[in-house]
C-alpha cells in the first residue's frame, strides 16, 4: 500500500540531501524510522540542520517519551 505525506519544502530538501542516488525516499525514511536512537538520527542529519532545529526535535522526542510513560 502506498501513502502520500505532506512535508515542507525545506524538510524535503534536507531529506533529499541525505538520500543516496540509488535509494528511494521510502528506503531513507524507513532507515531513519528503524533507528531507535534519536541521537544517531540527529547525527545523520547534523550537516543539514541548525542547532535550534535539533533542539526542537529532541524536545519533541522527550515529550513523546513522557506521553508513552503515562
N, C-alpha and C. Protein backbone atom coordinates (compact mmCIF):
# COMPACT_ATOMS: atom_id res chain seq x y z
N UNK A 1 0.84 -1.17 0.00
CA UNK A 1 0.00 0.00 0.00
C UNK A 1 0.90 1.24 0.00
N UNK A 2 0.51 2.25 -0.71
CA UNK A 2 1.26 3.49 -0.81
C UNK A 2 0.49 4.59 -0.09
N UNK A 3 1.18 5.42 0.66
CA UNK A 3 0.60 6.56 1.37
C UNK A 3 1.28 7.83 0.89
N UNK A 4 0.55 8.90 0.87
CA UNK A 4 1.09 10.20 0.50
C UNK A 4 1.20 11.05 1.76
N UNK A 5 2.34 11.70 1.94
CA UNK A 5 2.52 12.59 3.08
C UNK A 5 2.89 13.97 2.56
N UNK A 6 2.62 14.98 3.36
CA UNK A 6 2.96 16.36 3.01
C UNK A 6 4.05 16.84 3.95
N UNK A 7 5.12 17.37 3.38
CA UNK A 7 6.21 17.92 4.18
C UNK A 7 6.58 19.29 3.61
N UNK A 8 7.19 20.10 4.43
CA UNK A 8 7.65 21.41 3.99
C UNK A 8 8.78 21.25 2.98
N UNK A 9 8.90 22.22 2.10
CA UNK A 9 9.95 22.21 1.07
C UNK A 9 11.33 22.08 1.70
N UNK A 10 11.56 22.80 2.81
CA UNK A 10 12.88 22.75 3.45
C UNK A 10 13.18 21.36 4.00
N UNK A 11 12.17 20.67 4.50
CA UNK A 11 12.36 19.31 5.01
C UNK A 11 12.66 18.37 3.83
N UNK A 12 11.93 18.55 2.75
CA UNK A 12 12.17 17.74 1.55
C UNK A 12 13.63 17.89 1.09
N UNK A 13 14.11 19.12 1.06
CA UNK A 13 15.48 19.36 0.60
C UNK A 13 16.50 18.71 1.55
N UNK A 14 16.23 18.76 2.84
CA UNK A 14 17.14 18.12 3.80
C UNK A 14 17.17 16.61 3.59
N UNK A 15 15.97 16.03 3.41
CA UNK A 15 15.90 14.60 3.18
C UNK A 15 16.56 14.22 1.85
N UNK A 16 16.34 15.03 0.85
CA UNK A 16 16.94 14.76 -0.46
C UNK A 16 18.46 14.77 -0.38
N UNK A 17 18.99 15.67 0.45
CA UNK A 17 20.45 15.75 0.59
C UNK A 17 21.02 14.52 1.31
N UNK A 18 20.20 13.86 2.12
CA UNK A 18 20.64 12.66 2.83
C UNK A 18 20.51 11.40 1.98
N UNK A 19 19.59 11.43 1.04
CA UNK A 19 19.27 10.25 0.24
C UNK A 19 20.37 9.95 -0.77
N UNK A 20 20.76 8.68 -0.82
CA UNK A 20 21.71 8.25 -1.84
C UNK A 20 21.00 8.19 -3.19
N UNK A 21 21.76 8.29 -4.24
CA UNK A 21 21.19 8.30 -5.58
C UNK A 21 20.42 7.00 -5.89
N UNK A 22 20.90 5.89 -5.36
CA UNK A 22 20.26 4.59 -5.62
C UNK A 22 19.20 4.23 -4.57
N UNK A 23 18.82 5.18 -3.73
CA UNK A 23 17.90 4.95 -2.62
C UNK A 23 16.61 5.72 -2.85
N UNK A 24 15.48 5.09 -2.53
CA UNK A 24 14.19 5.78 -2.62
C UNK A 24 13.94 6.55 -1.32
N UNK A 25 12.99 7.47 -1.36
CA UNK A 25 12.62 8.17 -0.14
C UNK A 25 12.04 7.19 0.88
N UNK A 26 11.32 6.20 0.42
CA UNK A 26 10.78 5.18 1.34
C UNK A 26 11.91 4.45 2.06
N UNK A 27 12.96 4.11 1.31
CA UNK A 27 14.11 3.45 1.93
C UNK A 27 14.78 4.36 2.96
N UNK A 28 14.96 5.61 2.60
CA UNK A 28 15.59 6.57 3.50
C UNK A 28 14.76 6.74 4.77
N UNK A 29 13.47 6.99 4.62
CA UNK A 29 12.61 7.20 5.79
C UNK A 29 12.49 5.93 6.62
N UNK A 30 12.45 4.79 5.96
CA UNK A 30 12.40 3.52 6.70
C UNK A 30 13.63 3.33 7.55
N UNK A 31 14.79 3.67 6.99
CA UNK A 31 16.03 3.56 7.76
C UNK A 31 16.06 4.51 8.94
N UNK A 32 15.57 5.72 8.74
CA UNK A 32 15.53 6.68 9.84
C UNK A 32 14.54 6.25 10.91
N UNK A 33 13.42 5.69 10.49
CA UNK A 33 12.39 5.25 11.45
C UNK A 33 12.85 4.03 12.25
N UNK A 34 13.66 3.17 11.65
CA UNK A 34 14.17 2.00 12.36
C UNK A 34 15.22 2.36 13.39
N UNK A 35 15.84 3.49 13.20
CA UNK A 35 16.88 3.93 14.11
C UNK A 35 16.22 4.38 15.41
N UNK A 36 16.29 3.56 16.44
CA UNK A 36 15.59 3.85 17.68
C UNK A 36 16.31 4.87 18.55
N UNK A 37 17.54 5.17 18.23
CA UNK A 37 18.30 6.15 19.00
C UNK A 37 18.19 7.52 18.32
N UNK A 38 17.43 8.46 18.90
CA UNK A 38 17.25 9.75 18.25
C UNK A 38 18.56 10.51 18.06
N UNK A 39 19.53 10.25 18.91
CA UNK A 39 20.81 10.94 18.79
C UNK A 39 21.56 10.48 17.53
N UNK A 40 21.46 9.20 17.21
CA UNK A 40 22.08 8.70 15.98
C UNK A 40 21.39 9.32 14.76
N UNK A 41 20.07 9.43 14.83
CA UNK A 41 19.32 10.05 13.74
C UNK A 41 19.77 11.49 13.56
N UNK A 42 19.91 12.20 14.66
CA UNK A 42 20.34 13.60 14.58
C UNK A 42 21.75 13.72 14.03
N UNK A 43 22.60 12.76 14.36
CA UNK A 43 23.96 12.78 13.81
C UNK A 43 23.92 12.64 12.29
N UNK A 44 23.00 11.82 11.78
CA UNK A 44 22.86 11.69 10.33
C UNK A 44 22.41 13.00 9.71
N UNK A 45 21.61 13.74 10.43
CA UNK A 45 21.06 15.00 9.92
C UNK A 45 21.93 16.20 10.26
N UNK A 46 22.98 15.99 11.01
CA UNK A 46 23.80 17.06 11.56
C UNK A 46 24.16 18.15 10.57
N UNK A 47 24.59 17.78 9.40
CA UNK A 47 25.03 18.77 8.44
C UNK A 47 23.92 19.58 7.82
N UNK A 48 22.68 19.13 7.93
CA UNK A 48 21.59 19.81 7.24
C UNK A 48 20.63 20.52 8.19
N UNK A 49 20.94 20.55 9.48
CA UNK A 49 20.04 21.15 10.46
C UNK A 49 20.76 22.14 11.34
N UNK A 50 20.05 23.16 11.74
CA UNK A 50 20.62 24.13 12.67
C UNK A 50 20.57 23.57 14.09
N UNK A 51 21.33 24.17 14.97
CA UNK A 51 21.34 23.76 16.37
C UNK A 51 19.94 23.88 16.98
N UNK A 52 19.23 24.95 16.63
CA UNK A 52 17.88 25.17 17.16
C UNK A 52 16.92 24.08 16.69
N UNK A 53 17.02 23.70 15.41
CA UNK A 53 16.16 22.64 14.89
C UNK A 53 16.41 21.32 15.61
N UNK A 54 17.67 21.02 15.87
CA UNK A 54 18.00 19.80 16.59
C UNK A 54 17.40 19.82 17.99
N UNK A 55 17.51 20.98 18.65
CA UNK A 55 16.95 21.12 19.99
C UNK A 55 15.44 20.93 20.00
N UNK A 56 14.78 21.46 18.99
CA UNK A 56 13.33 21.30 18.88
C UNK A 56 12.95 19.84 18.71
N UNK A 57 13.70 19.13 17.89
CA UNK A 57 13.41 17.72 17.67
C UNK A 57 13.64 16.92 18.95
N UNK A 58 14.74 17.18 19.64
CA UNK A 58 14.99 16.47 20.90
C UNK A 58 13.90 16.76 21.92
N UNK A 59 13.44 17.99 21.98
CA UNK A 59 12.35 18.33 22.91
C UNK A 59 11.09 17.56 22.56
N UNK A 60 10.80 17.48 21.28
CA UNK A 60 9.61 16.75 20.84
C UNK A 60 9.73 15.26 21.17
N UNK A 61 10.91 14.70 20.98
CA UNK A 61 11.14 13.29 21.32
C UNK A 61 10.93 13.08 22.81
N UNK A 62 11.47 13.97 23.63
CA UNK A 62 11.30 13.85 25.08
C UNK A 62 9.83 13.91 25.47
N UNK A 63 9.07 14.81 24.84
CA UNK A 63 7.63 14.92 25.13
C UNK A 63 6.90 13.63 24.78
N UNK A 64 7.23 13.06 23.63
CA UNK A 64 6.58 11.81 23.20
C UNK A 64 6.93 10.68 24.16
N UNK A 65 8.17 10.63 24.63
CA UNK A 65 8.55 9.60 25.60
C UNK A 65 7.76 9.75 26.89
N UNK A 66 7.59 10.99 27.35
CA UNK A 66 6.82 11.24 28.57
C UNK A 66 5.39 10.77 28.40
N UNK A 67 4.79 11.03 27.23
CA UNK A 67 3.42 10.62 26.97
C UNK A 67 3.29 9.10 27.01
N UNK A 68 4.28 8.40 26.50
CA UNK A 68 4.23 6.92 26.48
C UNK A 68 4.35 6.33 27.88
N UNK A 69 5.05 7.03 28.75
CA UNK A 69 5.27 6.51 30.11
C UNK A 69 4.03 6.60 30.98
N UNK A 70 3.12 7.46 30.61
CA UNK A 70 1.92 7.66 31.43
C UNK A 70 0.94 6.54 31.22
